[in-house]
Amino acid sequence: MESKEYSWAWVTTDRCLSDGPCELVYAQAVSDGGEIKDTLLYAEENATGELILNFQRGTLGNVVLSPPVPIFCRKGLYAVIGNSTEGIFVQWRELGHGGGG
């Protein structure tokens, strides 16, 4: 696939990234120097949907999600920024309607 088929965002506040079907390809939570806690990705257009990942780390540093195959998100993709998280770099591919962002 060509890169133009993918969307990406540097997320620093809670945000809907996609409001329709998509595939989560990659995510990296970046620590602000503390321990990353309660930084979440949901397969939904808000924070009430199916939880994909809770980025938590017992030590300082960044946390990477790089699945061998994309994660299907039937109802969208939503990011929540938690404690000690500078931001999340997220890459996904839209599959149908919507666009979030």
Protein backbone atom coordinates (compact mmCIF):
# COMPACT_ATOMS: atom_id res chain seq x y z
CA MET A 1 0.00 0.00 0.00
CA GLU A 2 1.07 3.52 -0.60
CA SER A 3 1.70 5.93 2.25
CA LYS A 4 -1.11 8.23 1.08
CA GLU A 5 -3.60 5.53 2.20
CA TYR A 6 -2.56 6.05 5.82
CA SER A 7 -3.37 8.76 8.31
CA TRP A 8 -1.23 9.79 11.26
CA ALA A 9 -1.39 12.18 14.18
CA TRP A 10 0.68 13.39 17.09
CA VAL A 11 -1.94 13.35 19.88
CA THR A 12 -1.46 15.49 23.00
CA THR A 13 -5.07 15.72 24.24
CA ASP A 14 -7.99 13.28 24.24
CA ARG A 15 -9.16 13.05 20.65
CA CYS A 16 -11.21 11.09 18.10
CA LEU A 17 -8.89 10.02 15.29
CA SER A 18 -11.45 8.17 13.18
CA ASP A 19 -15.24 8.09 13.38
CA GLY A 20 -15.64 5.04 11.16
CA PRO A 21 -14.04 1.68 10.39
CA CYS A 22 -10.26 1.76 10.35
CA GLU A 23 -7.14 -0.26 11.03
CA LEU A 24 -4.68 0.72 13.73
CA VAL A 25 -1.20 0.18 12.30
CA TYR A 26 1.19 1.70 14.88
CA ALA A 27 1.24 3.70 18.08
CA GLN A 28 3.99 5.01 20.31
CA ALA A 29 3.32 6.66 23.65
CA VAL A 30 6.07 9.11 24.58
CA SER A 31 6.83 9.76 28.25
CA ASP A 32 7.28 13.30 29.55
CA GLY A 33 9.91 11.95 31.92
CA GLY A 34 7.60 10.11 34.31
CA GLU A 35 5.90 6.73 34.21
CA ILE A 36 3.21 6.52 31.50
CA LYS A 37 -0.19 5.73 33.05
CA ASP A 38 -3.78 5.62 31.83
CA THR A 39 -2.95 6.47 28.22
CA LEU A 40 -5.55 4.56 26.23
CA LEU A 41 -6.65 3.67 22.70
CA TYR A 42 -10.27 2.69 22.04
CA ALA A 43 -11.87 1.02 19.00
CA GLU A 44 -14.68 3.59 19.05
CA GLU A 45 -15.24 7.27 18.32
CA ASN A 46 -15.22 8.05 22.06
CA ALA A 47 -13.87 6.71 25.35
CA THR A 48 -16.82 4.38 26.00
CA GLY A 49 -15.97 1.76 23.38
CA GLU A 50 -13.83 -1.34 23.29
CA LEU A 51 -10.43 -0.78 24.86
CA ILE A 52 -7.59 -1.73 22.50
CA LEU A 53 -4.65 -0.82 24.66
CA ASN A 54 -3.78 0.72 28.00
CA PHE A 55 -0.22 2.05 27.71
CA GLN A 56 1.32 1.48 31.11
CA ARG A 57 4.90 1.02 32.01
CA GLY A 58 6.46 0.41 35.41
CA THR A 59 9.61 2.26 34.45
CA LEU A 60 10.38 5.45 32.62
CA GLY A 61 10.39 5.44 28.84
CA ASN A 62 8.31 5.14 25.71
CA VAL A 63 5.85 2.35 24.89
CA VAL A 64 5.39 1.03 21.34
CA LEU A 65 2.52 -0.92 19.75
CA SER A 66 3.58 -2.40 16.43
CA PRO A 67 1.25 -5.34 15.73
CA PRO A 68 2.24 -7.89 13.06
CA VAL A 69 -1.09 -7.20 11.34
CA PRO A 70 -3.28 -4.08 11.70
CA ILE A 71 -5.90 -4.03 14.46
CA PHE A 72 -9.42 -3.68 13.04
CA CYS A 73 -11.45 -0.93 14.72
CA ARG A 74 -15.05 -1.35 13.58
CA LYS A 75 -16.45 1.87 15.10
CA GLY A 76 -13.51 4.26 14.98
CA LEU A 77 -10.38 5.12 16.92
CA TYR A 78 -10.10 7.31 20.02
CA ALA A 79 -7.03 8.28 22.07
CA VAL A 80 -6.89 9.30 25.74
CA ILE A 81 -3.77 11.00 27.09
CA GLY A 82 -2.95 10.01 30.66
CA ASN A 83 -0.43 10.92 33.31
CA SER A 84 3.20 11.51 32.36
CA THR A 85 2.46 11.21 28.64
CA GLU A 86 3.81 13.89 26.35
CA GLY A 87 1.81 12.44 23.46
CA ILE A 88 1.09 9.45 21.25
CA PHE A 89 2.16 9.09 17.64
CA VAL A 90 -0.63 7.08 15.96
CA GLN A 91 -0.83 5.69 12.42
CA TRP A 92 -4.03 4.16 10.98
CA ARG A 93 -5.83 3.47 7.73
CA GLU A 94 -9.42 4.50 7.03
CA LEU A 95 -11.62 1.70 5.62
CA GLY A 96 -14.95 3.34 4.93
CA HIS A 97 -16.82 6.53 5.69
CA GLY A 98 -15.67 9.04 8.25
CA GLY A 99 -12.34 10.61 8.82
CA GLY A 100 -12.20 11.87 12.37
CA GLY A 101 -9.21 13.96 12.99
